Amino acid sequence: MPPFTQAFPVLTVSNLDAALGFYTERLGFQLDWRSGDHTAVVGNGVVSLFLKTKEADGLGPASVILNVENADAVFTAWTVAGVVMLDTIAT
């Protein structure tokens, strides 16, 4: 199975601006990406966190985003291993 290249824990926050302030001003993360008022990614060069409000679409309350070299190969390997996919895989 191809190795994961990156994993993003998805954290649900009640207020994206307040959360971004906390992670950047107090914990030293940098804002890597933001999309509107509901989703953003912060990182510190080692760890990245995906922050979302409950209004963001497509992700459950406990999620992780896994980046891989070849999503089709991972999907095939997981299917063969008996993993049940609860949602589609975005490639």
Protein backbone atom coordinates (compact mmCIF):
# COMPACT_ATOMS: atom_id res chain seq x y z
CA MET A 1 0.00 0.00 0.00
CA PRO A 2 1.40 3.44 -0.86
CA PRO A 3 2.41 5.43 2.23
CA PHE A 4 0.47 8.43 3.37
CA THR A 5 2.19 11.68 2.52
CA GLN A 6 0.22 13.78 4.97
CA ALA A 7 -2.61 13.50 7.49
CA PHE A 8 -4.81 16.38 8.61
CA PRO A 9 -6.89 15.98 11.76
CA VAL A 10 -10.17 17.81 11.20
CA LEU A 11 -11.23 19.89 14.19
CA THR A 12 -14.71 21.38 14.46
CA VAL A 13 -14.66 24.89 15.93
CA SER A 14 -17.53 27.17 16.93
CA ASN A 15 -15.92 30.33 15.54
CA LEU A 16 -13.30 30.13 12.79
CA ASP A 17 -11.85 33.61 13.37
CA ALA A 18 -11.44 32.97 17.09
CA ALA A 19 -9.87 29.57 16.44
CA LEU A 20 -7.46 31.03 13.90
CA GLY A 21 -6.46 33.69 16.41
CA PHE A 22 -5.81 31.05 19.05
CA TYR A 23 -3.73 28.77 16.82
CA THR A 24 -1.74 31.55 15.15
CA GLU A 25 -1.29 34.12 17.92
CA ARG A 26 -0.96 31.82 20.93
CA LEU A 27 0.34 28.51 19.57
CA GLY A 28 2.55 29.81 16.76
CA PHE A 29 0.83 28.15 13.79
CA GLN A 30 0.71 29.88 10.41
CA LEU A 31 -2.42 30.23 8.29
CA ASP A 32 -1.79 27.97 5.29
CA TRP A 33 -5.19 28.16 3.61
CA ARG A 34 -8.65 29.58 4.19
CA SER A 35 -11.94 29.24 2.34
CA GLY A 36 -14.56 31.73 3.47
CA ASP A 37 -15.93 31.70 6.98
CA HIS A 38 -16.07 27.94 7.51
CA THR A 39 -12.79 26.18 6.69
CA ALA A 40 -9.06 26.80 7.08
CA VAL A 41 -5.76 24.96 7.47
CA VAL A 42 -3.07 26.03 9.92
CA GLY A 43 0.38 24.50 10.19
CA ASN A 44 3.71 24.83 11.95
CA GLY A 45 6.00 23.09 9.46
CA VAL A 46 5.47 19.70 11.10
CA VAL A 47 1.77 19.50 11.96
CA SER A 48 -1.21 20.75 9.95
CA LEU A 49 -4.74 21.07 11.32
CA PHE A 50 -7.90 21.42 9.25
CA LEU A 51 -10.34 23.70 11.10
CA LYS A 52 -14.02 23.79 10.17
CA THR A 53 -17.23 25.13 11.59
CA LYS A 54 -20.30 22.93 11.90
CA GLU A 55 -21.72 24.79 8.89
CA ALA A 56 -18.98 23.41 6.61
CA ASP A 57 -20.20 20.76 4.21
CA GLY A 58 -18.79 17.31 3.58
CA LEU A 59 -16.96 16.41 6.77
CA GLY A 60 -18.26 14.76 9.91
CA PRO A 61 -17.46 15.80 13.49
CA ALA A 62 -14.57 13.32 13.71
CA SER A 63 -12.63 13.24 10.46
CA VAL A 64 -9.14 13.02 9.10
CA ILE A 65 -7.89 13.98 5.67
CA LEU A 66 -5.23 11.61 4.33
CA ASN A 67 -3.07 12.62 1.39
CA VAL A 68 -1.58 9.71 -0.55
CA GLU A 69 0.51 9.31 -3.67
CA ASN A 70 -2.12 7.21 -5.47
CA ALA A 71 -5.68 7.32 -4.15
CA ASP A 72 -6.87 4.65 -6.58
CA ALA A 73 -4.24 2.19 -5.32
CA VAL A 74 -5.16 2.89 -1.69
CA PHE A 75 -8.87 2.49 -2.46
CA THR A 76 -8.20 -0.85 -4.16
CA ALA A 77 -5.99 -2.10 -1.31
CA TRP A 78 -8.53 -1.08 1.32
CA THR A 79 -11.41 -2.65 -0.63
CA VAL A 80 -9.48 -5.93 -0.91
CA ALA A 81 -8.79 -5.74 2.84
CA GLY A 82 -12.53 -5.49 3.51
CA VAL A 83 -12.68 -1.81 4.49
CA VAL A 84 -16.20 -0.44 4.09
CA MET A 85 -16.22 3.09 2.65
CA LEU A 86 -18.94 5.24 4.20
CA ASP A 87 -18.48 8.03 1.67
CA THR A 88 -16.86 8.57 -1.69
CA ILE A 89 -13.15 9.25 -1.95
CA ALA A 90 -12.18 12.56 -3.52
CA THR A 91 -9.24 12.43 -5.90
